[in-house]
Amino acid sequence: MERANKEKLLNRLHRIEGQIRGVARMVAEDRYCIDVLTQIQAARAAMARVETEMLKGHLGHCIEGAIVAGDKDEQRRKAGELIELLERSAR
């Protein structure tokens, strides 16, 4: 993973961590359900954006590296990992 991208992702994850703590606080304070659910949706959307960036990074670095190296076994392994990941997320 590229250093600049890693730092951006870590910053996003720290913000999401704060969002989750905020949701827990809202639940502890018996806040209105719709307000809590709105914050949960926002946190879920933020995680989806992190996931998308991670996938882009994997494609642009790991899979591209296997293609450039010309290693057929490594290409199959990387593609298989990605397919397995996508299958798990579809369940």
N, C-alpha and C. Protein backbone atom coordinates (compact mmCIF):
# COMPACT_ATOMS: atom_id res chain seq x y z
N MET A 1 0.85 -1.18 0.00
CA MET A 1 0.00 0.00 0.00
C MET A 1 0.89 1.24 0.00
N GLU A 2 0.52 2.20 -0.81
CA GLU A 2 1.30 3.43 -0.88
C GLU A 2 1.14 4.22 0.41
N ARG A 3 2.21 4.86 0.83
CA ARG A 3 2.22 5.58 2.11
C ARG A 3 1.14 6.66 2.18
N ALA A 4 1.01 7.46 1.13
CA ALA A 4 0.02 8.55 1.15
C ALA A 4 -1.39 7.99 1.27
N ASN A 5 -1.67 6.92 0.55
CA ASN A 5 -2.99 6.30 0.61
C ASN A 5 -3.23 5.69 1.98
N LYS A 6 -2.21 5.07 2.54
CA LYS A 6 -2.31 4.47 3.86
C LYS A 6 -2.68 5.52 4.90
N GLU A 7 -2.02 6.67 4.85
CA GLU A 7 -2.31 7.73 5.81
C GLU A 7 -3.74 8.25 5.65
N LYS A 8 -4.20 8.39 4.40
CA LYS A 8 -5.59 8.84 4.17
C LYS A 8 -6.58 7.84 4.73
N LEU A 9 -6.32 6.56 4.48
CA LEU A 9 -7.23 5.53 4.99
C LEU A 9 -7.23 5.49 6.52
N LEU A 10 -6.06 5.62 7.11
CA LEU A 10 -6.00 5.63 8.58
C LEU A 10 -6.74 6.83 9.15
N ASN A 11 -6.62 7.99 8.52
CA ASN A 11 -7.36 9.17 8.97
C ASN A 11 -8.86 8.93 8.89
N ARG A 12 -9.30 8.35 7.78
CA ARG A 12 -10.73 8.04 7.63
C ARG A 12 -11.19 7.07 8.70
N LEU A 13 -10.39 6.05 8.94
CA LEU A 13 -10.76 5.04 9.95
C LEU A 13 -10.81 5.65 11.35
N HIS A 14 -9.92 6.57 11.64
CA HIS A 14 -9.96 7.24 12.95
C HIS A 14 -11.24 8.08 13.08
N ARG A 15 -11.64 8.73 11.98
CA ARG A 15 -12.90 9.49 12.03
C ARG A 15 -14.09 8.56 12.22
N ILE A 16 -14.06 7.41 11.56
CA ILE A 16 -15.14 6.43 11.71
C ILE A 16 -15.17 5.90 13.14
N GLU A 17 -14.00 5.68 13.70
CA GLU A 17 -13.92 5.23 15.08
C GLU A 17 -14.61 6.24 16.00
N GLY A 18 -14.38 7.52 15.75
CA GLY A 18 -15.05 8.56 16.52
C GLY A 18 -16.55 8.54 16.30
N GLN A 19 -16.97 8.29 15.06
CA GLN A 19 -18.40 8.19 14.77
C GLN A 19 -19.03 7.06 15.57
N ILE A 20 -18.36 5.93 15.62
CA ILE A 20 -18.89 4.76 16.33
C ILE A 20 -18.99 5.05 17.83
N ARG A 21 -17.96 5.71 18.37
CA ARG A 21 -18.04 6.10 19.79
C ARG A 21 -19.23 7.03 20.01
N GLY A 22 -19.47 7.93 19.05
CA GLY A 22 -20.61 8.84 19.14
C GLY A 22 -21.93 8.09 19.11
N VAL A 23 -22.02 7.07 18.28
CA VAL A 23 -23.24 6.25 18.21
C VAL A 23 -23.45 5.55 19.55
N ALA A 24 -22.39 4.99 20.11
CA ALA A 24 -22.51 4.32 21.41
C ALA A 24 -22.98 5.30 22.48
N ARG A 25 -22.45 6.50 22.43
CA ARG A 25 -22.87 7.53 23.39
C ARG A 25 -24.34 7.87 23.20
N MET A 26 -24.77 7.96 21.95
CA MET A 26 -26.18 8.26 21.66
C MET A 26 -27.09 7.17 22.23
N VAL A 27 -26.68 5.92 22.06
CA VAL A 27 -27.48 4.80 22.60
C VAL A 27 -27.52 4.89 24.12
N ALA A 28 -26.36 5.15 24.74
CA ALA A 28 -26.30 5.25 26.20
C ALA A 28 -27.18 6.39 26.72
N GLU A 29 -27.31 7.45 25.93
CA GLU A 29 -28.11 8.61 26.32
C GLU A 29 -29.57 8.50 25.90
N ASP A 30 -29.96 7.33 25.39
CA ASP A 30 -31.34 7.09 24.94
C ASP A 30 -31.81 8.12 23.92
N ARG A 31 -30.94 8.44 22.96
CA ARG A 31 -31.30 9.40 21.93
C ARG A 31 -32.35 8.80 21.00
N TYR A 32 -33.02 9.65 20.26
CA TYR A 32 -34.10 9.26 19.36
C TYR A 32 -33.58 8.23 18.35
N CYS A 33 -34.33 7.16 18.16
CA CYS A 33 -33.90 6.03 17.31
C CYS A 33 -33.50 6.46 15.91
N ILE A 34 -34.28 7.33 15.30
CA ILE A 34 -33.98 7.76 13.93
C ILE A 34 -32.65 8.50 13.88
N ASP A 35 -32.34 9.28 14.90
CA ASP A 35 -31.06 9.97 14.94
C ASP A 35 -29.90 8.98 15.03
N VAL A 36 -30.07 7.95 15.86
CA VAL A 36 -29.04 6.92 16.01
C VAL A 36 -28.88 6.16 14.68
N LEU A 37 -30.00 5.77 14.10
CA LEU A 37 -29.95 5.03 12.83
C LEU A 37 -29.31 5.85 11.72
N THR A 38 -29.56 7.14 11.71
CA THR A 38 -28.94 8.03 10.72
C THR A 38 -27.43 8.01 10.87
N GLN A 39 -26.95 8.04 12.10
CA GLN A 39 -25.51 8.00 12.34
C GLN A 39 -24.91 6.64 12.00
N ILE A 40 -25.67 5.58 12.23
CA ILE A 40 -25.20 4.24 11.85
C ILE A 40 -25.06 4.15 10.34
N GLN A 41 -26.04 4.69 9.61
CA GLN A 41 -25.95 4.69 8.15
C GLN A 41 -24.75 5.49 7.67
N ALA A 42 -24.49 6.60 8.31
CA ALA A 42 -23.34 7.42 7.93
C ALA A 42 -22.03 6.66 8.16
N ALA A 43 -21.93 5.95 9.27
CA ALA A 43 -20.73 5.17 9.57
C ALA A 43 -20.58 4.02 8.58
N ARG A 44 -21.69 3.38 8.24
CA ARG A 44 -21.64 2.29 7.27
C ARG A 44 -21.18 2.82 5.90
N ALA A 45 -21.69 3.97 5.49
CA ALA A 45 -21.29 4.57 4.22
C ALA A 45 -19.80 4.92 4.23
N ALA A 46 -19.33 5.42 5.36
CA ALA A 46 -17.91 5.77 5.48
C ALA A 46 -17.04 4.51 5.37
N MET A 47 -17.47 3.42 5.99
CA MET A 47 -16.73 2.16 5.88
C MET A 47 -16.75 1.65 4.45
N ALA A 48 -17.86 1.82 3.75
CA ALA A 48 -17.94 1.40 2.35
C ALA A 48 -16.95 2.18 1.50
N ARG A 49 -16.76 3.47 1.81
CA ARG A 49 -15.78 4.27 1.06
C ARG A 49 -14.36 3.78 1.34
N VAL A 50 -14.08 3.41 2.57
CA VAL A 50 -12.76 2.86 2.90
C VAL A 50 -12.56 1.54 2.15
N GLU A 51 -13.59 0.71 2.14
CA GLU A 51 -13.50 -0.57 1.44
C GLU A 51 -13.22 -0.35 -0.05
N THR A 52 -13.90 0.60 -0.65
CA THR A 52 -13.70 0.91 -2.07
C THR A 52 -12.26 1.34 -2.32
N GLU A 53 -11.74 2.20 -1.47
CA GLU A 53 -10.36 2.65 -1.64
C GLU A 53 -9.36 1.49 -1.47
N MET A 54 -9.64 0.61 -0.52
CA MET A 54 -8.78 -0.56 -0.32
C MET A 54 -8.81 -1.46 -1.55
N LEU A 55 -9.99 -1.67 -2.12
CA LEU A 55 -10.11 -2.49 -3.32
C LEU A 55 -9.36 -1.86 -4.50
N LYS A 56 -9.50 -0.56 -4.65
CA LYS A 56 -8.77 0.14 -5.72
C LYS A 56 -7.26 -0.04 -5.52
N GLY A 57 -6.81 0.09 -4.29
CA GLY A 57 -5.40 -0.07 -3.99
C GLY A 57 -4.92 -1.48 -4.29
N HIS A 58 -5.74 -2.46 -3.95
CA HIS A 58 -5.38 -3.86 -4.20
C HIS A 58 -5.27 -4.11 -5.70
N LEU A 59 -6.23 -3.61 -6.43
CA LEU A 59 -6.20 -3.78 -7.89
C LEU A 59 -5.01 -3.05 -8.50
N GLY A 60 -4.77 -1.83 -8.05
CA GLY A 60 -3.72 -1.01 -8.62
C GLY A 60 -2.32 -1.40 -8.20
N HIS A 61 -2.20 -2.10 -7.09
CA HIS A 61 -0.87 -2.45 -6.59
C HIS A 61 -0.63 -3.95 -6.66
N CYS A 62 -1.41 -4.71 -5.95
CA CYS A 62 -1.17 -6.15 -5.82
C CYS A 62 -1.46 -6.90 -7.12
N ILE A 63 -2.65 -6.70 -7.66
CA ILE A 63 -3.02 -7.43 -8.87
C ILE A 63 -2.21 -6.92 -10.06
N GLU A 64 -2.08 -5.61 -10.18
CA GLU A 64 -1.28 -5.06 -11.27
C GLU A 64 0.17 -5.55 -11.19
N GLY A 65 0.69 -5.64 -9.98
CA GLY A 65 2.06 -6.13 -9.80
C GLY A 65 2.21 -7.56 -10.29
N ALA A 66 1.22 -8.40 -10.01
CA ALA A 66 1.26 -9.78 -10.47
C ALA A 66 1.18 -9.85 -12.00
N ILE A 67 0.40 -8.96 -12.59
CA ILE A 67 0.28 -8.93 -14.06
C ILE A 67 1.60 -8.47 -14.68
N VAL A 68 2.16 -7.40 -14.15
CA VAL A 68 3.41 -6.86 -14.70
C VAL A 68 4.54 -7.87 -14.55
N ALA A 69 4.55 -8.60 -13.43
CA ALA A 69 5.61 -9.59 -13.20
C ALA A 69 5.47 -10.78 -14.15
N GLY A 70 4.27 -10.98 -14.70
CA GLY A 70 4.06 -12.07 -15.63
C GLY A 70 3.95 -13.44 -14.98
N ASP A 71 3.80 -13.46 -13.67
CA ASP A 71 3.70 -14.72 -12.92
C ASP A 71 2.25 -15.21 -12.96
N LYS A 72 1.98 -16.21 -13.80
CA LYS A 72 0.60 -16.72 -13.99
C LYS A 72 0.02 -17.28 -12.69
N ASP A 73 0.83 -18.00 -11.92
CA ASP A 73 0.33 -18.57 -10.66
C ASP A 73 -0.06 -17.46 -9.68
N GLU A 74 0.77 -16.44 -9.60
CA GLU A 74 0.48 -15.30 -8.71
C GLU A 74 -0.76 -14.55 -9.19
N GLN A 75 -0.91 -14.41 -10.49
CA GLN A 75 -2.10 -13.75 -11.05
C GLN A 75 -3.35 -14.52 -10.66
N ARG A 76 -3.30 -15.85 -10.82
CA ARG A 76 -4.46 -16.69 -10.46
C ARG A 76 -4.76 -16.59 -8.97
N ARG A 77 -3.71 -16.61 -8.16
CA ARG A 77 -3.89 -16.54 -6.70
C ARG A 77 -4.53 -15.22 -6.30
N LYS A 78 -4.03 -14.11 -6.85
CA LYS A 78 -4.57 -12.79 -6.52
C LYS A 78 -6.02 -12.67 -6.99
N ALA A 79 -6.30 -13.15 -8.19
CA ALA A 79 -7.67 -13.11 -8.71
C ALA A 79 -8.58 -13.97 -7.85
N GLY A 80 -8.10 -15.14 -7.46
CA GLY A 80 -8.88 -16.04 -6.60
C GLY A 80 -9.21 -15.41 -5.26
N GLU A 81 -8.24 -14.72 -4.69
CA GLU A 81 -8.47 -14.03 -3.41
C GLU A 81 -9.57 -12.99 -3.54
N LEU A 82 -9.51 -12.23 -4.64
CA LEU A 82 -10.50 -11.19 -4.87
C LEU A 82 -11.88 -11.78 -5.08
N ILE A 83 -11.97 -12.86 -5.85
CA ILE A 83 -13.25 -13.52 -6.08
C ILE A 83 -13.81 -14.04 -4.77
N GLU A 84 -12.97 -14.66 -3.95
CA GLU A 84 -13.41 -15.19 -2.65
C GLU A 84 -13.94 -14.05 -1.75
N LEU A 85 -13.23 -12.94 -1.76
CA LEU A 85 -13.67 -11.78 -0.98
C LEU A 85 -15.05 -11.30 -1.44
N LEU A 86 -15.22 -11.18 -2.74
CA LEU A 86 -16.50 -10.70 -3.29
C LEU A 86 -17.62 -11.70 -3.02
N GLU A 87 -17.32 -12.99 -3.05
CA GLU A 87 -18.32 -14.01 -2.73
C GLU A 87 -18.75 -13.89 -1.28
N ARG A 88 -17.79 -13.68 -0.38
CA ARG A 88 -18.13 -13.53 1.06
C ARG A 88 -19.01 -12.31 1.29
N SER A 89 -18.74 -11.23 0.58
CA SER A 89 -19.52 -10.02 0.80
C SER A 89 -20.91 -10.14 0.20
N ALA A 90 -21.11 -11.08 -0.73
CA ALA A 90 -22.43 -11.27 -1.36
C ALA A 90 -23.35 -12.11 -0.48
N ARG A 91 -22.80 -12.76 0.52
CA ARG A 91 -23.63 -13.63 1.39
C ARG A 91 -24.45 -12.84 2.35
